[in-house]
Amino acid sequence: MALATDAKRQILVKNQTHKSDTGSPEVQIALLSGRILQLTDHFKAHKKDHSSRRGLLTMVAKRRRLLTYLKNTSPERYKNALQKLAIRH
C-alpha cells in the first residue's frame, strides 16, 4: 500500500526547498504524513490488521524523530513544516 506515483510527486513538489530536493527533512516528513493518513483510513475499514498497525507506529516514530531534528536545527523551518502539513496546532 505505497503512495501512488502521482500522489508522491505532488507531495514532493509542494514541499521541496529547491527543484531537485528529494531528501530534506521537510520532504521526508511530508511523505511520511501522506502515508500515515493513507494507513489511518485503511484502519477504519480493517480494524484487526495488526501487522500494518506496527508499520504505522514505526512511521509515526520516524516522523517524530525527523520533526525533533528539524526543531533542534532550524526552528523556523520546523514551524513552516508544521503549518504546511497541519500536523500540530
Protein backbone atom coordinates (compact mmCIF):
# COMPACT_ATOMS: atom_id res chain seq x y z
CA MET A 1 0.00 0.00 0.00
CA ALA A 2 2.59 2.54 -1.04
CA LEU A 3 1.67 6.02 -2.14
CA ALA A 4 0.72 6.29 -5.79
CA THR A 5 3.39 7.81 -8.01
CA ASP A 6 1.35 10.89 -8.88
CA ALA A 7 0.41 11.48 -5.23
CA LYS A 8 4.06 11.17 -4.23
CA ARG A 9 5.11 13.60 -6.97
CA GLN A 10 2.54 16.17 -5.77
CA ILE A 11 3.82 15.90 -2.19
CA LEU A 12 7.40 16.34 -3.40
CA VAL A 13 6.56 19.42 -5.48
CA LYS A 14 4.69 21.08 -2.59
CA ASN A 15 7.47 20.55 -0.05
CA GLN A 16 10.72 20.83 -2.00
CA THR A 17 13.18 23.54 -1.00
CA HIS A 18 14.71 23.51 -4.50
CA LYS A 19 13.97 21.74 -7.77
CA SER A 20 15.96 18.55 -7.18
CA ASP A 21 15.24 18.25 -3.45
CA THR A 22 14.03 14.76 -2.55
CA GLY A 23 15.63 14.09 0.82
CA SER A 24 15.29 17.17 3.01
CA PRO A 25 13.56 16.66 6.36
CA GLU A 26 10.54 18.62 5.14
CA VAL A 27 10.06 16.30 2.17
CA GLN A 28 10.58 13.17 4.28
CA ILE A 29 8.08 14.40 6.88
CA ALA A 30 5.53 15.22 4.17
CA LEU A 31 5.87 11.79 2.55
CA LEU A 32 5.52 10.05 5.91
CA SER A 33 2.48 12.19 6.73
CA GLY A 34 0.81 11.22 3.46
CA ARG A 35 1.49 7.55 4.13
CA ILE A 36 0.24 7.85 7.72
CA LEU A 37 -3.02 9.43 6.52
CA GLN A 38 -3.46 6.64 4.00
CA LEU A 39 -2.93 3.95 6.64
CA THR A 40 -5.24 5.71 9.09
CA ASP A 41 -8.03 5.47 6.52
CA HIS A 42 -7.14 1.82 5.94
CA PHE A 43 -7.60 1.05 9.64
CA LYS A 44 -11.11 2.47 9.66
CA ALA A 45 -12.13 -0.44 7.45
CA HIS A 46 -9.67 -3.09 8.71
CA LYS A 47 -9.58 -2.81 12.48
CA LYS A 48 -7.77 -6.12 13.08
CA ASP A 49 -4.83 -5.53 10.73
CA HIS A 50 -2.21 -5.54 13.46
CA SER A 51 0.84 -6.14 11.28
CA SER A 52 0.14 -2.97 9.30
CA ARG A 53 -0.54 -1.11 12.55
CA ARG A 54 3.02 -1.91 13.66
CA GLY A 55 4.31 -0.34 10.46
CA LEU A 56 2.15 2.72 11.11
CA LEU A 57 3.63 3.11 14.58
CA THR A 58 7.13 2.84 13.10
CA MET A 59 6.32 5.60 10.60
CA VAL A 60 4.87 7.84 13.30
CA ALA A 61 8.02 7.38 15.39
CA LYS A 62 10.27 8.16 12.41
CA ARG A 63 8.26 11.30 11.62
CA ARG A 64 8.54 12.37 15.26
CA ARG A 65 12.33 11.93 15.17
CA LEU A 66 12.58 13.95 11.96
CA LEU A 67 10.44 16.72 13.47
CA THR A 68 12.65 16.77 16.57
CA TYR A 69 15.75 17.02 14.39
CA LEU A 70 14.22 19.86 12.39
CA LYS A 71 13.15 21.67 15.57
CA ASN A 72 16.68 21.47 17.01
CA THR A 73 18.49 22.51 13.83
CA SER A 74 16.13 25.12 12.36
CA PRO A 75 13.09 26.23 14.39
CA GLU A 76 11.79 28.41 11.56
CA ARG A 77 11.74 25.52 9.07
CA TYR A 78 10.09 23.39 11.79
CA LYS A 79 7.27 25.92 12.23
CA ASN A 80 6.79 26.21 8.47
CA ALA A 81 6.62 22.43 8.10
CA LEU A 82 4.01 22.14 10.86
CA GLN A 83 1.87 24.86 9.31
CA LYS A 84 2.14 23.48 5.80
CA LEU A 85 1.21 19.94 6.85
CA ALA A 86 -1.23 20.92 9.64
CA ILE A 87 0.29 18.30 11.95
CA ARG A 88 0.09 20.09 15.27
CA HIS A 89 -1.94 23.06 16.42
